[in-house]
Amino acid sequence: MKNLLRAEILKLKGNWLVTLSFVIAFILPFLTLAMTLFSNQVDLAEESVFHILLRQNHIFLTLMVCNLLFALMITNIICKEFQYGTIDDILSIPVNRSRFLIAKELVSFIWMMAIGLFSFCICLIIGVVFRLEGYSLQTILYGLVRYVLAVTISIIPLQLIIWVSVLFKNYVISLAVSIVALVGSIVAFNTKDFIFVYPFSISFVLTNFKTTVLPEQLLTSMISLGIMGVVCISGLFFSFNRMDIKSHTV
């Protein structure tokens, strides 16, 4: 497994998407800062400016970055094996195929976590440079836990994107599914009930900064997330292990 992980990490060397993902993670906190300072988001009676900055950036992370950028990253990791024709070599090696998927999942998770923490750190730097009110160790730890949990939870619904990538071996179809997931998340965010059952918005529900979640809503979210995780992960590993060795193209 160690060699597989090393191989997957080396494949990322020189990948344009690595640079793009960090650029996006760098820009979003500044966009969030502008929204915080020049809109009606600031309500000092309830939250400090720094707390609002972390919360607003968390919304971008869970609803947009997790559902589009992370999906693009995962699609790239899977589909490039079909694009370069290396999938036949992977499938012909006499070892458990599931290990290859697990290695890709782990590398994807590490990459995603790095993006989430990088975005969080940019928020911290902004808090220091602009001397935002409410910058404290308690708020930093409060935000850190939620950012880490948000990325961790988001890997579950993204199993659908990985499954689609394995089934169709095509960037276009995988990204189309991720765009639908993104649009659904935006719609769910603006509703009172749909957000609790829509799997691609549940990372926000379970790690949000402000909204109080009722026990029945929390249970609904966890059941929805669990069902999607079981179905997609089972289907993914079954499809990959049953895949024939033949020529594949994207």
Protein backbone atom coordinates (compact mmCIF):
# COMPACT_ATOMS: atom_id res chain seq x y z
CA MET A 1 0.00 0.00 0.00
CA LYS A 2 2.89 2.36 0.75
CA ASN A 3 4.24 1.97 -2.78
CA LEU A 4 0.78 2.57 -4.25
CA LEU A 5 0.39 5.76 -2.25
CA ARG A 6 3.84 6.94 -3.31
CA ALA A 7 2.99 6.24 -6.95
CA GLU A 8 -0.29 8.17 -6.72
CA ILE A 9 1.42 11.14 -5.11
CA LEU A 10 4.11 11.17 -7.82
CA LYS A 11 1.38 11.24 -10.46
CA LEU A 12 0.28 14.59 -9.09
CA LYS A 13 3.69 16.12 -9.78
CA GLY A 14 3.30 18.77 -12.46
CA ASN A 15 -0.50 18.39 -12.50
CA TRP A 16 -2.06 21.75 -13.42
CA LEU A 17 -5.03 21.01 -11.21
CA VAL A 18 -2.86 21.06 -8.08
CA THR A 19 -1.89 24.66 -8.76
CA LEU A 20 -5.42 25.65 -9.73
CA SER A 21 -6.95 24.17 -6.58
CA PHE A 22 -4.58 26.10 -4.31
CA VAL A 23 -5.16 29.33 -6.26
CA ILE A 24 -8.92 28.95 -5.79
CA ALA A 25 -8.45 28.14 -2.09
CA PHE A 26 -6.33 31.29 -1.80
CA ILE A 27 -8.83 33.59 -3.55
CA LEU A 28 -12.01 32.48 -1.78
CA PRO A 29 -11.15 33.87 1.70
CA PHE A 30 -10.52 37.32 0.18
CA LEU A 31 -13.84 37.13 -1.64
CA THR A 32 -15.41 36.15 1.66
CA LEU A 33 -13.70 39.10 3.38
CA ALA A 34 -15.19 41.50 0.85
CA MET A 35 -18.64 40.01 1.43
CA THR A 36 -18.15 40.28 5.19
CA LEU A 37 -16.99 43.89 5.24
CA PHE A 38 -19.14 45.36 2.48
CA SER A 39 -22.46 43.65 3.03
CA ASN A 40 -24.99 43.22 5.80
CA GLN A 41 -23.32 40.00 6.99
CA VAL A 42 -21.68 41.77 9.91
CA ASP A 43 -23.82 41.61 13.02
CA LEU A 44 -21.56 42.30 15.96
CA ALA A 45 -24.40 41.69 18.39
CA GLU A 46 -24.19 37.98 17.59
CA GLU A 47 -20.79 37.25 16.04
CA SER A 48 -17.40 38.90 15.65
CA VAL A 49 -16.10 39.89 12.22
CA PHE A 50 -13.49 37.13 12.27
CA HIS A 51 -16.08 34.56 13.26
CA ILE A 52 -18.28 35.65 10.36
CA LEU A 53 -15.31 35.43 8.00
CA LEU A 54 -14.70 31.82 9.01
CA ARG A 55 -18.40 31.00 8.72
CA GLN A 56 -18.84 32.57 5.30
CA ASN A 57 -15.70 30.90 3.95
CA HIS A 58 -16.98 27.63 5.42
CA ILE A 59 -20.14 28.03 3.32
CA PHE A 60 -18.04 28.44 0.18
CA LEU A 61 -15.98 25.41 1.14
CA THR A 62 -18.85 23.04 1.90
CA LEU A 63 -21.28 24.05 -0.83
CA MET A 64 -19.01 25.03 -3.73
CA VAL A 65 -15.46 23.79 -3.26
CA CYS A 66 -16.47 20.37 -1.92
CA ASN A 67 -19.01 19.80 -4.68
CA LEU A 68 -17.16 21.17 -7.72
CA LEU A 69 -13.43 21.61 -7.14
CA PHE A 70 -13.09 18.39 -5.13
CA ALA A 71 -15.17 16.55 -7.74
CA LEU A 72 -12.87 17.87 -10.46
CA MET A 73 -9.84 16.70 -8.51
CA ILE A 74 -11.23 13.21 -7.96
CA THR A 75 -12.37 12.92 -11.58
CA ASN A 76 -8.89 13.86 -12.72
CA ILE A 77 -7.28 11.20 -10.54
CA ILE A 78 -9.59 8.46 -11.84
CA CYS A 79 -10.15 9.40 -15.49
CA LYS A 80 -6.54 10.09 -16.37
CA GLU A 81 -5.86 6.35 -15.96
CA PHE A 82 -8.29 5.75 -18.83
CA GLN A 83 -6.97 8.72 -20.78
CA TYR A 84 -3.35 7.52 -20.69
CA GLY A 85 -4.24 3.84 -21.07
CA THR A 86 -2.60 2.89 -17.76
CA ILE A 87 -5.80 1.32 -16.46
CA ASP A 88 -5.00 -1.95 -18.28
CA ASP A 89 -1.69 -2.20 -16.39
CA ILE A 90 -3.50 -1.62 -13.10
CA LEU A 91 -6.17 -4.21 -13.81
CA SER A 92 -3.67 -6.85 -14.97
CA ILE A 93 -1.52 -6.75 -11.83
CA PRO A 94 -2.30 -9.90 -9.73
CA VAL A 95 -3.23 -8.08 -6.52
CA ASN A 96 -6.51 -7.06 -4.97
CA ARG A 97 -7.88 -4.27 -7.16
CA SER A 98 -9.51 -2.63 -4.18
CA ARG A 99 -6.05 -1.56 -2.99
CA PHE A 100 -5.71 0.72 -6.03
CA LEU A 101 -9.03 2.37 -5.29
CA ILE A 102 -8.15 2.78 -1.63
CA ALA A 103 -4.82 4.37 -2.58
CA LYS A 104 -6.57 6.84 -4.88
CA GLU A 105 -9.16 7.58 -2.20
CA LEU A 106 -6.46 8.29 0.38
CA VAL A 107 -4.48 10.55 -1.94
CA SER A 108 -7.69 12.37 -2.88
CA PHE A 109 -8.55 12.84 0.79
CA ILE A 110 -5.06 14.16 1.61
CA TRP A 111 -5.27 16.60 -1.30
CA MET A 112 -8.75 17.73 -0.26
CA MET A 113 -7.71 18.18 3.36
CA ALA A 114 -4.68 20.22 2.27
CA ILE A 115 -6.98 22.54 0.28
CA GLY A 116 -9.40 22.91 3.19
CA LEU A 117 -6.67 23.66 5.72
CA PHE A 118 -4.92 26.02 3.30
CA SER A 119 -8.13 28.02 2.91
CA PHE A 120 -8.55 28.05 6.68
CA CYS A 121 -4.96 29.28 7.16
CA ILE A 122 -5.53 32.11 4.67
CA CYS A 123 -8.47 33.18 6.84
CA LEU A 124 -6.16 33.22 9.86
CA ILE A 125 -3.61 35.35 8.01
CA ILE A 126 -6.35 37.75 6.93
CA GLY A 127 -7.49 37.99 10.55
CA VAL A 128 -3.99 39.03 11.64
CA VAL A 129 -3.23 41.41 8.76
CA PHE A 130 -6.58 43.22 8.93
CA ARG A 131 -6.80 42.94 12.72
CA LEU A 132 -10.31 41.60 12.58
CA GLU A 133 -12.37 41.83 15.73
CA GLY A 134 -12.86 38.50 17.49
CA TYR A 135 -9.56 36.91 16.49
CA SER A 136 -8.88 34.50 19.35
CA LEU A 137 -7.54 31.01 20.04
CA GLN A 138 -11.03 29.77 20.91
CA THR A 139 -12.44 30.97 17.57
CA ILE A 140 -9.49 29.47 15.68
CA LEU A 141 -9.96 26.06 17.27
CA TYR A 142 -13.72 26.35 16.77
CA GLY A 143 -13.20 26.94 13.08
CA LEU A 144 -10.44 24.37 12.64
CA VAL A 145 -12.60 21.52 13.93
CA ARG A 146 -15.41 22.43 11.56
CA TYR A 147 -13.17 22.78 8.51
CA VAL A 148 -11.56 19.40 9.15
CA LEU A 149 -14.95 17.74 9.69
CA ALA A 150 -16.40 19.42 6.59
CA VAL A 151 -13.71 17.96 4.33
CA THR A 152 -13.93 14.57 6.02
CA ILE A 153 -17.71 14.34 5.63
CA SER A 154 -17.66 15.62 2.03
CA ILE A 155 -15.66 12.59 0.84
CA ILE A 156 -18.76 10.41 1.34
CA PRO A 157 -21.13 11.96 -1.26
CA LEU A 158 -18.17 12.37 -3.62
CA GLN A 159 -18.09 8.57 -3.87
CA LEU A 160 -20.87 9.01 -6.42
CA ILE A 161 -18.51 11.06 -8.63
CA ILE A 162 -15.83 8.39 -8.33
CA TRP A 163 -18.34 5.68 -9.18
CA VAL A 164 -19.52 7.60 -12.25
CA SER A 165 -15.90 8.10 -13.33
CA VAL A 166 -15.25 4.35 -13.10
CA LEU A 167 -18.48 3.43 -14.90
CA PHE A 168 -18.32 5.91 -17.78
CA LYS A 169 -14.55 6.61 -17.91
CA ASN A 170 -15.38 10.11 -19.07
CA TYR A 171 -14.56 13.58 -17.73
CA VAL A 172 -17.65 15.18 -19.25
CA ILE A 173 -20.18 12.88 -17.60
CA SER A 174 -18.42 13.00 -14.24
CA LEU A 175 -18.24 16.79 -14.24
CA ALA A 176 -21.87 17.01 -15.38
CA VAL A 177 -22.88 15.00 -12.30
CA SER A 178 -20.74 17.26 -10.09
CA ILE A 179 -22.38 20.39 -11.56
CA VAL A 180 -25.81 18.92 -10.85
CA ALA A 181 -24.62 18.22 -7.29
CA LEU A 182 -23.45 21.83 -6.98
CA VAL A 183 -26.73 23.28 -8.26
CA GLY A 184 -28.64 20.98 -5.93
CA SER A 185 -26.55 22.18 -2.99
CA ILE A 186 -27.29 25.82 -3.78
CA VAL A 187 -31.00 25.04 -4.02
CA ALA A 188 -30.87 23.01 -0.81
CA PHE A 189 -29.07 25.84 0.98
CA ASN A 190 -32.00 28.13 0.23
CA THR A 191 -34.64 25.74 1.53
CA LYS A 192 -35.65 24.79 5.05
CA ASP A 193 -36.01 21.04 4.71
CA PHE A 194 -34.27 19.80 1.54
CA ILE A 195 -30.83 20.69 2.87
CA PHE A 196 -31.14 18.05 5.59
CA VAL A 197 -31.74 15.16 3.17
CA TYR A 198 -29.60 16.22 0.20
CA PRO A 199 -26.30 14.32 0.61
CA PHE A 200 -24.14 16.94 -1.13
CA SER A 201 -25.16 19.61 1.37
CA ILE A 202 -24.92 17.55 4.53
CA SER A 203 -21.26 18.42 5.18
CA PHE A 204 -22.55 21.97 5.68
CA VAL A 205 -25.45 20.84 7.87
CA LEU A 206 -23.25 18.81 10.21
CA THR A 207 -20.49 21.43 10.53
CA ASN A 208 -22.30 24.76 10.16
CA PHE A 209 -21.40 27.63 12.47
CA LYS A 210 -24.71 29.23 13.19
CA THR A 211 -27.88 27.29 12.41
CA THR A 212 -29.33 25.17 15.20
CA VAL A 213 -30.10 21.66 13.94
CA LEU A 214 -32.96 19.77 15.54
CA PRO A 215 -32.33 16.14 16.59
CA GLU A 216 -34.72 14.78 13.97
CA GLN A 217 -33.04 16.89 11.27
CA LEU A 218 -29.63 15.64 12.35
CA LEU A 219 -30.88 12.05 12.25
CA THR A 220 -32.35 12.58 8.76
CA SER A 221 -29.05 13.97 7.52
CA MET A 222 -27.01 11.10 8.93
CA ILE A 223 -29.39 8.48 7.50
CA SER A 224 -29.32 10.13 4.07
CA LEU A 225 -25.53 10.37 4.13
CA GLY A 226 -25.20 6.77 5.34
CA ILE A 227 -27.47 5.36 2.64
CA MET A 228 -25.61 7.21 -0.10
CA GLY A 229 -22.26 6.11 1.30
CA VAL A 230 -23.21 2.43 1.47
CA VAL A 231 -24.77 2.39 -2.00
CA CYS A 232 -22.02 4.33 -3.77
CA ILE A 233 -19.04 2.69 -2.06
CA SER A 234 -20.46 -0.78 -2.61
CA GLY A 235 -21.25 -0.02 -6.25
CA LEU A 236 -17.86 1.57 -6.82
CA PHE A 237 -15.80 -1.34 -5.54
CA PHE A 238 -18.06 -3.89 -7.24
CA SER A 239 -17.80 -2.09 -10.60
CA PHE A 240 -14.03 -1.65 -10.38
CA ASN A 241 -13.39 -5.26 -9.37
CA ARG A 242 -15.60 -6.52 -12.23
CA MET A 243 -14.03 -4.31 -14.88
CA ASP A 244 -12.61 -6.11 -17.93
CA ILE A 245 -9.05 -5.64 -19.15
CA LYS A 246 -9.35 -3.98 -22.54
CA SER A 247 -8.59 -0.73 -24.28
CA HIS A 248 -10.11 2.31 -22.58
CA THR A 249 -10.23 5.86 -23.77
CA VAL A 250 -11.67 9.09 -22.43
